[in-house]
C-alpha atoms as a PDB file:
ATOM      1  CA  MET A   1      -9.439 -28.908   0.303  1.00  0.00           C
ATOM      2  CA  THR A   2      -6.998 -31.470  -0.565  1.00  0.00           C
ATOM      3  CA  LYS A   3      -6.367 -28.907  -3.772  1.00  0.00           C
ATOM      4  CA  TYR A   4      -5.927 -26.202  -1.157  1.00  0.00           C
ATOM      5  CA  LEU A   5      -3.572 -27.524   1.714  1.00  0.00           C
ATOM      6  CA  ALA A   6      -1.601 -28.650  -1.535  1.00  0.00           C
ATOM      7  CA  PHE A   7      -1.433 -25.199  -3.103  1.00  0.00           C
ATOM      8  CA  LYS A   8      -0.338 -23.816   1.057  1.00  0.00           C
ATOM      9  CA  CYS A   9       2.199 -26.920   1.061  1.00  0.00           C
ATOM     10  CA  ALA A  10       4.200 -25.231  -2.493  1.00  0.00           C
ATOM     11  CA  ILE A  11       4.392 -21.801  -0.480  1.00  0.00           C
ATOM     12  CA  ALA A  12       5.907 -23.437   2.602  1.00  0.00           C
ATOM     13  CA  PHE A  13       7.888 -25.151   0.287  1.00  0.00           C
ATOM     14  CA  SER A  14       8.707 -21.713  -1.492  1.00  0.00           C
ATOM     15  CA  VAL A  15       9.476 -20.152   1.956  1.00  0.00           C
ATOM     16  CA  VAL A  16      11.801 -22.859   2.992  1.00  0.00           C
ATOM     17  CA  MET A  17      13.501 -22.781  -0.346  1.00  0.00           C
ATOM     18  CA  PHE A  18      14.374 -18.901   0.508  1.00  0.00           C
ATOM     19  CA  PHE A  19      15.877 -19.672   4.226  1.00  0.00           C
ATOM     20  CA  ALA A  20      13.004 -16.826   4.939  1.00  0.00           C
ATOM     21  CA  ALA A  21       9.927 -17.721   4.328  1.00  0.00           C
ATOM     22  CA  CYS A  22     -24.379   1.217   7.975  1.00  0.00           C
ATOM     23  CA  ASN A  23     -22.670   4.468  10.458  1.00  0.00           C
ATOM     24  CA  LYS A  24     -20.968   7.740  10.894  1.00  0.00           C
ATOM     25  CA  GLN A  25     -21.323   9.596   7.637  1.00  0.00           C
ATOM     26  CA  ALA A  26     -17.724  11.621   7.016  1.00  0.00           C
ATOM     27  CA  GLU A  27     -16.349  13.000   3.502  1.00  0.00           C
ATOM     28  CA  LEU A  28     -13.976  10.269   2.443  1.00  0.00           C
ATOM     29  CA  ILE A  29     -10.891  11.283  -0.938  1.00  0.00           C
ATOM     30  CA  GLN A  30     -11.784   8.900  -3.801  1.00  0.00           C
ATOM     31  CA  PRO A  31      -8.695   7.061  -4.825  1.00  0.00           C
ATOM     32  CA  SER A  32      -8.780   8.174  -7.710  1.00  0.00           C
ATOM     33  CA  GLN A  33      -8.407  12.232  -6.485  1.00  0.00           C
ATOM     34  CA  ALA A  34      -4.470  12.633  -5.570  1.00  0.00           C
ATOM     35  CA  PRO A  35      -5.281  14.236  -2.121  1.00  0.00           C
ATOM     36  CA  ASP A  36      -2.549  16.337  -0.286  1.00  0.00           C
ATOM     37  CA  VAL A  37      -1.915  13.923   2.529  1.00  0.00           C
ATOM     38  CA  GLU A  38       1.262  16.144   3.973  1.00  0.00           C
ATOM     39  CA  GLY A  39      -1.362  19.058   5.003  1.00  0.00           C
ATOM     40  CA  LYS A  40      -4.913  17.190   5.336  1.00  0.00           C
ATOM     41  CA  ALA A  41      -2.978  14.432   7.816  1.00  0.00           C
ATOM     42  CA  ALA A  42      -0.987  16.928   9.813  1.00  0.00           C
ATOM     43  CA  LYS A  43      -4.442  19.021  10.469  1.00  0.00           C
ATOM     44  CA  ASN A  44      -6.672  16.379  10.790  1.00  0.00           C
ATOM     45  CA  ALA A  45      -4.701  13.303  12.115  1.00  0.00           C
ATOM     46  CA  ASP A  46      -6.588  12.912  15.275  1.00  0.00           C
ATOM     47  CA  HIS A  47     -10.038  13.500  14.719  1.00  0.00           C
ATOM     48  CA  VAL A  48     -10.756   9.917  13.181  1.00  0.00           C
ATOM     49  CA  ASN A  49     -14.270   7.953  12.770  1.00  0.00           C
ATOM     50  CA  THR A  50     -14.739   4.570  12.580  1.00  0.00           C
ATOM     51  CA  PHE A  51     -16.951   2.761  10.727  1.00  0.00           C
ATOM     52  CA  LYS A  52     -18.008  -0.864  10.820  1.00  0.00           C
ATOM     53  CA  GLY A  53     -19.150  -3.563   8.675  1.00  0.00           C
ATOM     54  CA  PRO A  54     -22.162  -6.396   9.318  1.00  0.00           C
ATOM     55  CA  GLU A  55     -21.112  -9.122  12.541  1.00  0.00           C
ATOM     56  CA  VAL A  56     -20.614 -12.861  10.797  1.00  0.00           C
ATOM     57  CA  SER A  57     -20.739 -15.997  13.194  1.00  0.00           C
ATOM     58  CA  ILE A  58     -17.674 -17.107  13.923  1.00  0.00           C
ATOM     59  CA  GLY A  59     -17.214 -20.033  15.570  1.00  0.00           C
ATOM     60  CA  ASN A  60     -18.408 -19.335  18.935  1.00  0.00           C
ATOM     61  CA  GLY A  61     -18.585 -15.750  18.795  1.00  0.00           C
ATOM     62  CA  LYS A  62     -18.306 -13.424  16.050  1.00  0.00           C
ATOM     63  CA  GLY A  63     -16.464 -11.179  13.575  1.00  0.00           C
ATOM     64  CA  ARG A  64     -16.615  -8.044  11.731  1.00  0.00           C
ATOM     65  CA  SER A  65     -14.921  -5.620   9.155  1.00  0.00           C
ATOM     66  CA  TRP A  66     -13.551  -2.183  10.170  1.00  0.00           C
ATOM     67  CA  ILE A  67     -11.856   1.175   9.034  1.00  0.00           C
ATOM     68  CA  SER A  68     -11.260   4.215  11.029  1.00  0.00           C
ATOM     69  CA  ILE A  69     -10.576   6.797   8.619  1.00  0.00           C
ATOM     70  CA  ASN A  70      -9.534  10.749   9.413  1.00  0.00           C
ATOM     71  CA  HIS A  71     -11.440  13.907   8.755  1.00  0.00           C
ATOM     72  CA  ALA A  72      -8.702  14.724   6.291  1.00  0.00           C
ATOM     73  CA  GLY A  73     -10.710  11.279   4.367  1.00  0.00           C
ATOM     74  CA  LEU A  74      -7.265   9.673   4.547  1.00  0.00           C
ATOM     75  CA  PRO A  75      -7.871   6.017   6.001  1.00  0.00           C
ATOM     76  CA  GLN A  76      -5.428   5.112   8.987  1.00  0.00           C
ATOM     77  CA  GLU A  77      -6.689   1.264  10.466  1.00  0.00           C
ATOM     78  CA  ILE A  78      -8.175  -1.918   8.104  1.00  0.00           C
ATOM     79  CA  GLY A  79      -9.154  -4.728   9.729  1.00  0.00           C
ATOM     80  CA  ILE A  80     -10.721  -7.197  11.730  1.00  0.00           C
ATOM     81  CA  GLU A  81     -12.601  -7.557  14.708  1.00  0.00           C
ATOM     82  CA  LEU A  82     -13.219 -10.715  16.655  1.00  0.00           C
ATOM     83  CA  THR A  83     -15.040 -11.954  19.988  1.00  0.00           C
ATOM     84  CA  GLN A  84     -13.092 -14.004  22.188  1.00  0.00           C
ATOM     85  CA  GLY A  85     -15.656 -17.111  21.367  1.00  0.00           C
ATOM     86  CA  ALA A  86     -14.914 -16.519  17.212  1.00  0.00           C
ATOM     87  CA  LEU A  87     -11.350 -18.660  18.462  1.00  0.00           C
ATOM     88  CA  SER A  88     -13.043 -21.529  19.242  1.00  0.00           C
ATOM     89  CA  GLY A  89     -15.930 -24.082  18.066  1.00  0.00           C
ATOM     90  CA  LEU A  90     -14.407 -23.971  14.447  1.00  0.00           C
ATOM     91  CA  PRO A  91     -15.093 -26.656  12.250  1.00  0.00           C
ATOM     92  CA  SER A  92     -13.188 -29.859  12.873  1.00  0.00           C
ATOM     93  CA  ASP A  93     -13.126 -31.456   9.646  1.00  0.00           C
ATOM     94  CA  PRO A  94      -9.935 -30.208   7.553  1.00  0.00           C
ATOM     95  CA  MET A  95     -11.768 -31.470   4.309  1.00  0.00           C
ATOM     96  CA  ASP A  96     -14.660 -29.163   4.658  1.00  0.00           C
ATOM     97  CA  PHE A  97     -13.896 -26.032   3.398  1.00  0.00           C
ATOM     98  CA  ALA A  98     -16.127 -24.048   2.799  1.00  0.00           C
ATOM     99  CA  ALA A  99     -17.715 -24.329   6.911  1.00  0.00           C
ATOM    100  CA  ALA A 100     -14.637 -23.502   7.263  1.00  0.00           C
ATOM    101  CA  THR A 101     -14.118 -20.165   5.332  1.00  0.00           C
ATOM    102  CA  TYR A 102     -15.705 -15.912   6.529  1.00  0.00           C
ATOM    103  CA  ILE A 103     -16.872 -13.618   4.130  1.00  0.00           C
ATOM    104  CA  LEU A 104     -16.233 -10.158   6.170  1.00  0.00           C
ATOM    105  CA  PRO A 105     -18.122  -8.075   3.895  1.00  0.00           C
ATOM    106  CA  LEU A 106     -16.953  -4.008   4.086  1.00  0.00           C
ATOM    107  CA  HIS A 107     -18.392  -0.660   4.893  1.00  0.00           C
ATOM    108  CA  GLN A 108     -18.681   1.359   1.329  1.00  0.00           C
ATOM    109  CA  LYS A 109     -16.450   3.644   3.605  1.00  0.00           C
ATOM    110  CA  ALA A 110     -13.850   1.290   3.248  1.00  0.00           C
ATOM    111  CA  LYS A 111     -14.646   0.185  -0.361  1.00  0.00           C
ATOM    112  CA  ALA A 112     -14.005   4.334  -1.238  1.00  0.00           C
ATOM    113  CA  ALA A 113     -10.967   4.958   0.855  1.00  0.00           C
ATOM    114  CA  THR A 114      -8.645   1.446  -0.234  1.00  0.00           C
ATOM    115  CA  LEU A 115      -8.434  -0.854  -3.138  1.00  0.00           C
ATOM    116  CA  PHE A 116      -9.957  -3.509  -0.626  1.00  0.00           C
ATOM    117  CA  ASP A 117     -13.669  -4.908  -1.554  1.00  0.00           C
ATOM    118  CA  HIS A 118     -14.007  -7.425   1.182  1.00  0.00           C
ATOM    119  CA  ILE A 119     -11.911 -10.182   3.569  1.00  0.00           C
ATOM    120  CA  THR A 120     -11.985 -13.610   4.125  1.00  0.00           C
ATOM    121  CA  ILE A 121     -10.783 -15.373   7.217  1.00  0.00           C
ATOM    122  CA  ASN A 122      -9.825 -19.081   6.331  1.00  0.00           C
ATOM    123  CA  TRP A 123      -9.448 -21.606   9.247  1.00  0.00           C
ATOM    124  CA  ASN A 124      -7.251 -23.936   9.408  1.00  0.00           C
ATOM    125  CA  VAL A 125      -7.692 -26.807  11.974  1.00  0.00           C
ATOM    126  CA  HIS A 126      -4.580 -28.910  11.197  1.00  0.00           C
ATOM    127  CA  GLY A 127      -2.565 -26.334   9.270  1.00  0.00           C
ATOM    128  CA  HIS A 128      -0.841 -28.303   6.977  1.00  0.00           C
ATOM    129  CA  GLU A 129       2.665 -29.522   5.682  1.00  0.00           C
ATOM    130  CA  PRO A 130       6.096 -29.039   5.620  1.00  0.00           C
ATOM    131  CA  GLU A 131       6.111 -30.655   9.436  1.00  0.00           C
ATOM    132  CA  HIS A 132       7.315 -27.858  12.272  1.00  0.00           C
ATOM    133  CA  VAL A 133       6.046 -25.128   9.791  1.00  0.00           C
ATOM    134  CA  PHE A 134       2.799 -24.697   9.124  1.00  0.00           C
ATOM    135  CA  ASP A 135       1.449 -27.817  10.557  1.00  0.00           C
ATOM    136  CA  VAL A 136      -0.390 -26.187  13.174  1.00  0.00           C
ATOM    137  CA  PRO A 137      -4.194 -24.926  13.665  1.00  0.00           C
ATOM    138  CA  HIS A 138      -4.185 -21.197  11.772  1.00  0.00           C
ATOM    139  CA  PHE A 139      -5.926 -18.891  10.155  1.00  0.00           C
ATOM    140  CA  ASP A 140      -5.506 -16.862   6.895  1.00  0.00           C
ATOM    141  CA  PHE A 141      -6.735 -12.771   6.776  1.00  0.00           C
ATOM    142  CA  HIS A 142      -7.675 -12.483   3.424  1.00  0.00           C
ATOM    143  CA  PHE A 143      -8.000  -8.842   2.641  1.00  0.00           C
ATOM    144  CA  TYR A 144      -9.205  -8.949  -1.526  1.00  0.00           C
ATOM    145  CA  MET A 145      -8.432  -6.259  -3.478  1.00  0.00           C
ATOM    146  CA  ILE A 146     -11.333  -7.721  -6.369  1.00  0.00           C
ATOM    147  CA  SER A 147     -14.600  -8.435  -6.173  1.00  0.00           C
ATOM    148  CA  LEU A 148     -16.541 -11.722  -4.844  1.00  0.00           C
ATOM    149  CA  GLN A 149     -17.880 -12.683  -8.110  1.00  0.00           C
ATOM    150  CA  ALA A 150     -14.531 -12.182  -9.844  1.00  0.00           C
ATOM    151  CA  ARG A 151     -12.396 -14.036  -6.878  1.00  0.00           C
ATOM    152  CA  LEU A 152     -14.496 -17.345  -7.211  1.00  0.00           C
ATOM    153  CA  ALA A 153     -14.651 -17.228 -10.897  1.00  0.00           C
ATOM    154  CA  ILE A 154     -10.927 -17.769 -10.100  1.00  0.00           C
ATOM    155  CA  PRO A 155     -10.890 -21.714 -11.225  1.00  0.00           C
ATOM    156  CA  PRO A 156      -7.904 -24.702 -10.123  1.00  0.00           C
ATOM    157  CA  TYR A 157      -4.817 -23.979 -11.555  1.00  0.00           C
ATOM    158  CA  GLU A 158      -4.651 -27.491 -13.522  1.00  0.00           C
ATOM    159  CA  VAL A 159      -8.244 -26.003 -15.653  1.00  0.00           C
ATOM    160  CA  ALA A 160      -6.215 -22.305 -16.271  1.00  0.00           C
ATOM    161  CA  THR A 161      -2.312 -22.016 -15.253  1.00  0.00           C
ATOM    162  CA  ALA A 162      -1.854 -19.428 -17.309  1.00  0.00           C
ATOM    163  CA  PRO A 163      -3.436 -16.344 -15.213  1.00  0.00           C
ATOM    164  CA  PHE A 164      -1.778 -17.882 -12.552  1.00  0.00           C
ATOM    165  CA  ASP A 165       1.253 -17.509 -14.093  1.00  0.00           C
ATOM    166  CA  LEU A 166       0.903 -14.268 -15.510  1.00  0.00           C
ATOM    167  CA  LEU A 167       2.647 -11.949 -12.465  1.00  0.00           C
ATOM    168  CA  PRO A 168       2.361  -7.764 -12.350  1.00  0.00           C
ATOM    169  CA  PRO A 169       5.440  -6.200 -13.952  1.00  0.00           C
ATOM    170  CA  PRO A 170       8.540  -6.896 -11.851  1.00  0.00           C
ATOM    171  CA  ALA A 171       8.366  -2.949 -10.708  1.00  0.00           C
ATOM    172  CA  THR A 172       5.755  -3.823  -8.934  1.00  0.00           C
ATOM    173  CA  TRP A 173       6.967  -6.113  -7.131  1.00  0.00           C
ATOM    174  CA  PRO A 174       6.430  -5.849  -3.182  1.00  0.00           C
ATOM    175  CA  ASP A 175       9.953  -5.782  -1.668  1.00  0.00           C
ATOM    176  CA  ASN A 176      11.253  -8.952  -0.038  1.00  0.00           C
ATOM    177  CA  PHE A 177       8.574 -11.474  -1.767  1.00  0.00           C
ATOM    178  CA  VAL A 178       8.693 -14.093  -3.909  1.00  0.00           C
ATOM    179  CA  PRO A 179       5.760 -15.880  -6.138  1.00  0.00           C
ATOM    180  CA  THR A 180       5.591 -18.841  -5.212  1.00  0.00           C
ATOM    181  CA  PRO A 181       4.311 -22.554  -7.721  1.00  0.00           C
ATOM    182  CA  GLY A 182       0.940 -22.941  -8.736  1.00  0.00           C
ATOM    183  CA  GLY A 183      -2.225 -21.477  -7.392  1.00  0.00           C
ATOM    184  CA  VAL A 184      -5.111 -22.251  -4.791  1.00  0.00           C
ATOM    185  CA  PRO A 185      -9.138 -22.037  -6.473  1.00  0.00           C
ATOM    186  CA  GLN A 186     -10.975 -19.165  -5.447  1.00  0.00           C
ATOM    187  CA  MET A 187      -7.801 -17.267  -4.891  1.00  0.00           C
ATOM    188  CA  GLY A 188      -4.916 -17.152  -6.974  1.00  0.00           C
ATOM    189  CA  LYS A 189      -1.058 -17.526  -7.086  1.00  0.00           C
ATOM    190  CA  HIS A 190       1.122 -16.751  -3.454  1.00  0.00           C
ATOM    191  CA  TRP A 191       3.492 -15.070  -2.765  1.00  0.00           C
ATOM    192  CA  ALA A 192       6.040 -15.245   0.255  1.00  0.00           C
ATOM    193  CA  SER A 193       7.692 -13.253   1.972  1.00  0.00           C
ATOM    194  CA  ILE A 194      12.044 -14.529   2.138  1.00  0.00           C
ATOM    195  CA  LEU A 195      12.140 -12.955   5.622  1.00  0.00           C
ATOM    196  CA  PHE A 196      10.352 -16.108   7.166  1.00  0.00           C
ATOM    197  CA  VAL A 197      11.956 -18.037   9.407  1.00  0.00           C
ATOM    198  CA  PRO A 198      10.080 -20.938  11.161  1.00  0.00           C
ATOM    199  CA  PRO A 199       9.273 -21.482  13.450  1.00  0.00           C
ATOM    200  CA  PHE A 200       5.359 -20.061  12.486  1.00  0.00           C
ATOM    201  CA  SER A 201       3.367 -18.336  15.032  1.00  0.00           C
ATOM    202  CA  LYS A 202       2.500 -15.305  12.430  1.00  0.00           C
ATOM    203  CA  THR A 203       3.534 -14.182   8.697  1.00  0.00           C
ATOM    204  CA  MET A 204       2.775 -11.728   6.155  1.00  0.00           C
ATOM    205  CA  ILE A 205       1.392 -13.483   2.128  1.00  0.00           C
ATOM    206  CA  TYR A 206       0.292 -11.246  -0.797  1.00  0.00           C
ATOM    207  CA  GLY A 207      -1.455 -12.899  -3.993  1.00  0.00           C
ATOM    208  CA  SER A 208      -2.497 -12.681  -6.924  1.00  0.00           C
ATOM    209  CA  TYR A 209      -3.509 -13.519 -10.710  1.00  0.00           C
ATOM    210  CA  ALA A 210      -4.106 -12.468 -14.209  1.00  0.00           C
ATOM    211  CA  GLY A 211      -0.809 -10.247 -13.652  1.00  0.00           C
ATOM    212  CA  ALA A 212      -2.181  -8.350 -10.779  1.00  0.00           C
ATOM    213  CA  PHE A 213      -2.275  -8.671  -6.505  1.00  0.00           C
ATOM    214  CA  THR A 214      -5.015  -9.740  -5.592  1.00  0.00           C
ATOM    215  CA  PHE A 215      -4.780 -10.067  -1.896  1.00  0.00           C
ATOM    216  CA  VAL A 216      -2.839  -9.690   0.932  1.00  0.00           C
ATOM    217  CA  GLU A 217      -2.449 -12.144   3.999  1.00  0.00           C
ATOM    218  CA  PRO A 218      -1.887 -12.220   7.224  1.00  0.00           C
ATOM    219  CA  MET A 219      -1.469 -15.598   8.408  1.00  0.00           C
ATOM    220  CA  ILE A 220      -1.535 -16.141  12.288  1.00  0.00           C
ATOM    221  CA  THR A 221      -1.751 -19.193  14.555  1.00  0.00           C
ATOM    222  CA  GLN A 222      -4.773 -19.946  16.676  1.00  0.00           C
ATOM    223  CA  GLN A 223      -2.315 -19.985  19.424  1.00  0.00           C
ATOM    224  CA  PHE A 224      -0.622 -16.515  19.133  1.00  0.00           C
ATOM    225  CA  LEU A 225      -4.346 -15.383  18.664  1.00  0.00           C
ATOM    226  CA  MET A 226      -5.516 -16.935  22.017  1.00  0.00           C
ATOM    227  CA  SER A 227      -2.342 -15.732  23.954  1.00  0.00           C
ATOM    228  CA  GLY A 228      -3.390 -12.326  23.901  1.00  0.00           C
ATOM    229  CA  ALA A 229       0.223 -11.276  22.139  1.00  0.00           C
ATOM    230  CA  SER A 230       0.591  -8.392  20.310  1.00  0.00           C
ATOM    231  CA  PHE A 231       2.614  -7.842  17.375  1.00  0.00           C
ATOM    232  CA  GLN A 232       3.401  -5.185  14.791  1.00  0.00           C
ATOM    233  CA  GLU A 233       5.078  -5.480  11.734  1.00  0.00           C
ATOM    234  CA  GLU A 234       6.157  -3.080   8.997  1.00  0.00           C
ATOM    235  CA  PHE A 235       6.040  -5.524   4.835  1.00  0.00           C
ATOM    236  CA  GLY A 236       7.178  -4.450   1.472  1.00  0.00           C
ATOM    237  CA  ARG A 237       3.870  -2.665  -0.244  1.00  0.00           C
ATOM    238  CA  VAL A 238       2.430  -3.179  -3.776  1.00  0.00           C
ATOM    239  CA  LYS A 239       4.094  -0.572  -5.781  1.00  0.00           C
ATOM    240  CA  TYR A 240       1.450   0.457  -7.962  1.00  0.00           C
ATOM    241  CA  ASP A 241       1.944   2.449 -11.313  1.00  0.00           C
ATOM    242  CA  HIS A 242       0.594   6.098 -11.410  1.00  0.00           C
ATOM    243  CA  GLN A 243      -2.492   4.783 -13.777  1.00  0.00           C
ATOM    244  CA  VAL A 244      -3.565   3.392 -10.134  1.00  0.00           C
ATOM    245  CA  ASN A 245      -3.348   6.054  -7.506  1.00  0.00           C
ATOM    246  CA  ALA A 246      -4.967   4.457  -3.895  1.00  0.00           C
ATOM    247  CA  PHE A 247      -3.887   4.018  -0.803  1.00  0.00           C
ATOM    248  CA  VAL A 248      -0.894   0.953   0.155  1.00  0.00           C
ATOM    249  CA  PRO A 249      -0.360  -0.258   3.155  1.00  0.00           C
ATOM    250  CA  GLY A 250       2.455  -1.446   5.101  1.00  0.00           C
ATOM    251  CA  GLN A 251       1.949  -2.380   7.795  1.00  0.00           C
ATOM    252  CA  TYR A 252       0.370  -5.475   9.735  1.00  0.00           C
ATOM    253  CA  ASN A 253      -0.687  -5.512  13.631  1.00  0.00           C
ATOM    254  CA  ILE A 254      -2.708  -8.255  16.195  1.00  0.00           C
ATOM    255  CA  TYR A 255      -3.265  -6.951  19.574  1.00  0.00           C
ATOM    256  CA  TYR A 256      -5.917  -7.570  21.888  1.00  0.00           C
ATOM    257  CA  ASP A 257      -8.247  -5.588  24.246  1.00  0.00           C
ATOM    258  CA  GLY A 258      -8.798  -7.094  27.479  1.00  0.00           C
ATOM    259  CA  ARG A 259     -11.232  -4.935  28.313  1.00  0.00           C
ATOM    260  CA  THR A 260     -13.818  -5.953  25.483  1.00  0.00           C
ATOM    261  CA  GLN A 261     -12.356  -9.365  24.786  1.00  0.00           C
ATOM    262  CA  LYS A 262     -11.870  -8.234  21.032  1.00  0.00           C
ATOM    263  CA  HIS A 263      -9.148  -9.501  19.141  1.00  0.00           C
ATOM    264  CA  TYR A 264      -8.028  -7.281  16.345  1.00  0.00           C
ATOM    265  CA  ILE A 265      -5.775  -8.043  13.198  1.00  0.00           C
ATOM    266  CA  THR A 266      -5.350  -4.769  10.668  1.00  0.00           C
ATOM    267  CA  LEU A 267      -3.405  -3.302   8.244  1.00  0.00           C
ATOM    268  CA  SER A 268      -2.343   0.344   8.461  1.00  0.00           C
ATOM    269  CA  LYS A 269       0.419   2.927   7.889  1.00  0.00           C
ATOM    270  CA  PHE A 270      -1.098   3.450   4.273  1.00  0.00           C
ATOM    271  CA  VAL A 271       0.923   5.856   1.422  1.00  0.00           C
ATOM    272  CA  TRP A 272       0.086   7.136  -1.656  1.00  0.00           C
ATOM    273  CA  LYS A 273       0.962   5.082  -4.032  1.00  0.00           C
END
């Protein structure tokens, strides 16, 4: 856990230095197939199916993944659903990293329609340094584009620095994100937004490893989620080349449903890259 916090501190330092720091059935378009986005989306944009992953116990509540896909097979929104209880009763030992990590499997429809393989929620009970930046209780919501097995095989930075420091091609870098020093085992190298300005309540992070982007990470404080406030913000997309061909999100969203008392952290505004 100490190594994890140290690497997270590197993220915060880089930001400050830059002053801106299963259920229903539907026909899906595979990411390798170039869809008629404009025609099909216009015709079927109002017809959406939602597919949910299995529930996972988190704190005093539950969490699960979900995705909405329209009848043209185009992903509309992918995200996390948390019950109110999931924001409390969480591990209090900052050194117990395993207990504070929750894996949310994706529905097969989500894997077929996007590049994402699974989601993890990492709970940071005391946050981390530097003071007055990330030192508040918060969650890291990782949307991974690599398999669970590949992610768990990522070693500590000190053991193998080369794959961490091998950055994706510059032409693919998302706008307004910069790589930070070092890397985190079972995660990768973190990329901070140069648009972030403290104090921290929410921000977007990217991750990479061995020359490829591997995750998208909204990072949100417990206080902000418990407030029930809504938020949405566009962020720079990874610029995949023609060999990848995938739907790529460009906005993250936070909202609360007072009727069901559930919280949502999602990615949306997918475009074909």
